[in-house]
């Protein structure tokens, strides 16, 4: 069982859908156009402040997949990561590639309906705060400087 299920089941239990991260990026046109909070998880526990964790990133997206802008160009978070459209996407992909080079498998989990009436931004903030309380730091890729 993944550590994130044990630590914060009350918070992360709302992440009902998952997919391999590379598969999700490559099939972003088939991934639903939904607003989500998401987390990236690897297949081992790594140091995370006072403890160890398999969570490496919390994020939010207005359009997870399959959204096209007015010109018909794919415009969604997974496509942004695949094409490295901005500095955030470039940096995150570089850090994920480093983990993959170490043999790690990365999975994206997403939540469509956050608890307690929270927005995706509010849910991401709550998850980051809870992680920091438990570990003394943010997840590895949320603390890139």
Protein backbone atom coordinates (compact mmCIF):
# COMPACT_ATOMS: atom_id res chain seq x y z
CA UNK A 1 0.00 0.00 0.00
CA UNK A 2 1.29 3.45 -0.82
CA UNK A 3 2.34 5.63 2.08
CA UNK A 4 0.05 8.49 1.07
CA UNK A 5 -2.96 6.28 1.71
CA UNK A 6 -1.71 5.58 5.23
CA UNK A 7 -0.73 9.13 6.19
CA UNK A 8 -3.64 11.23 5.02
CA UNK A 9 -6.48 8.94 3.99
CA UNK A 10 -8.91 11.61 5.10
CA UNK A 11 -7.38 14.05 2.58
CA UNK A 12 -6.02 11.88 -0.23
CA UNK A 13 -8.94 9.44 -0.23
CA UNK A 14 -10.62 11.72 -2.76
CA UNK A 15 -8.09 10.85 -5.48
CA UNK A 16 -10.17 8.26 -7.31
CA UNK A 17 -8.55 8.21 -10.77
CA UNK A 18 -4.98 7.40 -11.76
CA UNK A 19 -2.79 6.75 -14.78
CA UNK A 20 0.88 6.33 -15.52
CA UNK A 21 2.21 9.87 -15.96
CA UNK A 22 3.90 9.27 -19.33
CA UNK A 23 0.80 7.50 -20.64
CA UNK A 24 -1.35 10.40 -19.43
CA UNK A 25 0.84 12.95 -21.23
CA UNK A 26 0.90 10.96 -24.46
CA UNK A 27 -2.86 10.38 -24.40
CA UNK A 28 -3.83 13.86 -23.19
CA UNK A 29 -6.34 14.23 -26.04
CA UNK A 30 -8.24 11.24 -24.65
CA UNK A 31 -8.00 12.34 -21.01
CA UNK A 32 -11.13 14.17 -19.82
CA UNK A 33 -11.28 17.97 -19.95
CA UNK A 34 -11.87 18.36 -16.24
CA UNK A 35 -10.78 20.70 -13.47
CA UNK A 36 -8.78 18.75 -10.89
CA UNK A 37 -6.36 18.71 -8.02
CA UNK A 38 -3.65 16.14 -8.72
CA UNK A 39 -0.61 14.53 -7.19
CA UNK A 40 2.41 12.81 -8.70
CA UNK A 41 3.54 9.69 -6.87
CA UNK A 42 6.61 7.49 -7.42
CA UNK A 43 7.01 3.78 -6.76
CA UNK A 44 9.33 4.03 -3.74
CA UNK A 45 9.63 6.06 -0.57
CA UNK A 46 12.20 8.85 -0.65
CA UNK A 47 13.39 11.20 2.10
CA UNK A 48 10.87 13.96 2.80
CA UNK A 49 11.92 16.03 5.79
CA UNK A 50 11.27 14.14 9.02
CA UNK A 51 9.88 11.09 7.25
CA UNK A 52 9.76 9.36 3.87
CA UNK A 53 7.08 9.66 1.20
CA UNK A 54 6.14 8.53 -2.28
CA UNK A 55 4.37 11.84 -3.06
CA UNK A 56 6.62 14.14 -5.09
CA UNK A 57 4.19 16.86 -6.25
CA UNK A 58 0.74 18.37 -5.64
CA UNK A 59 -0.83 20.49 -8.37
CA UNK A 60 -4.10 21.75 -9.78
CA UNK A 61 -5.33 22.12 -13.33
CA UNK A 62 -8.31 23.90 -14.86
CA UNK A 63 -8.07 21.54 -17.85
CA UNK A 64 -6.36 18.20 -17.16
CA UNK A 65 -6.72 16.90 -20.73
CA UNK A 66 -8.45 17.11 -24.13
CA UNK A 67 -9.09 20.88 -24.01
CA UNK A 68 -8.48 22.88 -27.20
CA UNK A 69 -8.07 26.64 -27.27
CA UNK A 70 -9.93 28.89 -29.73
CA UNK A 71 -7.39 28.23 -32.49
CA UNK A 72 -7.83 24.47 -32.10
CA UNK A 73 -4.45 23.97 -30.40
CA UNK A 74 -4.33 21.51 -27.54
CA UNK A 75 -4.27 23.54 -24.33
CA UNK A 76 -4.31 21.51 -21.12
CA UNK A 77 -1.99 20.66 -18.22
CA UNK A 78 -0.91 17.25 -19.57
CA UNK A 79 -0.13 18.71 -23.01
CA UNK A 80 1.79 21.53 -21.30
CA UNK A 81 3.98 18.96 -19.56
CA UNK A 82 4.42 16.91 -22.74
CA UNK A 83 5.45 19.92 -24.86
CA UNK A 84 7.26 21.74 -22.04
CA UNK A 85 5.33 24.89 -22.95
CA UNK A 86 6.59 27.06 -20.05
CA UNK A 87 9.32 27.15 -17.40
CA UNK A 88 7.18 25.32 -14.86
CA UNK A 89 6.54 22.45 -17.29
CA UNK A 90 10.19 22.35 -18.41
CA UNK A 91 11.49 22.22 -14.84
CA UNK A 92 8.97 19.64 -13.66
CA UNK A 93 9.65 17.38 -16.66
CA UNK A 94 13.42 17.64 -16.06
CA UNK A 95 13.00 16.65 -12.42
CA UNK A 96 10.67 13.78 -13.36
CA UNK A 97 13.11 12.61 -16.04
CA UNK A 98 15.83 12.50 -13.37
CA UNK A 99 13.60 10.23 -11.26
CA UNK A 100 12.82 8.05 -14.29
CA UNK A 101 16.55 7.79 -15.06
CA UNK A 102 16.87 6.28 -11.57
CA UNK A 103 14.32 3.62 -12.58
CA UNK A 104 11.32 5.21 -10.86
CA UNK A 105 7.76 4.88 -12.17
CA UNK A 106 5.57 7.99 -11.89
CA UNK A 107 1.79 7.89 -11.51
CA UNK A 108 -0.64 10.81 -11.64
CA UNK A 109 -3.70 10.65 -9.38
CA UNK A 110 -6.45 13.22 -9.73
CA UNK A 111 -9.46 14.37 -7.75
CA UNK A 112 -12.51 15.91 -9.41
CA UNK A 113 -14.55 16.56 -6.25
CA UNK A 114 -12.46 17.87 -3.35
CA UNK A 115 -13.86 17.43 0.17
CA UNK A 116 -15.62 20.01 2.32
CA UNK A 117 -16.63 22.24 -0.62
CA UNK A 118 -13.00 23.16 -1.32
CA UNK A 119 -11.92 24.39 -4.73
CA UNK A 120 -9.02 22.63 -6.43
CA UNK A 121 -6.74 25.49 -5.39
CA UNK A 122 -7.97 25.22 -1.79
CA UNK A 123 -7.55 21.45 -1.80
CA UNK A 124 -4.01 21.67 -3.17
CA UNK A 125 -3.19 24.22 -0.45
CA UNK A 126 -4.68 22.00 2.26
CA UNK A 127 -2.71 18.98 1.01
CA UNK A 128 0.53 20.99 0.92
CA UNK A 129 -0.07 22.32 4.43
CA UNK A 130 -0.84 18.85 5.79
CA UNK A 131 2.23 17.37 4.10
CA UNK A 132 4.41 20.14 5.56
CA UNK A 133 3.01 19.58 9.06
CA UNK A 134 3.70 15.85 8.84
CA UNK A 135 7.10 16.03 7.13
CA UNK A 136 8.53 19.45 8.00
CA UNK A 137 8.82 20.32 4.28
CA UNK A 138 6.87 20.29 1.03
CA UNK A 139 6.96 17.38 -1.43
CA UNK A 140 10.22 17.12 -3.39
CA UNK A 141 9.02 18.85 -6.57
CA UNK A 142 6.86 21.47 -4.83
CA UNK A 143 10.00 22.89 -3.19
CA UNK A 144 12.06 23.46 -6.30
CA UNK A 145 13.70 26.85 -6.07
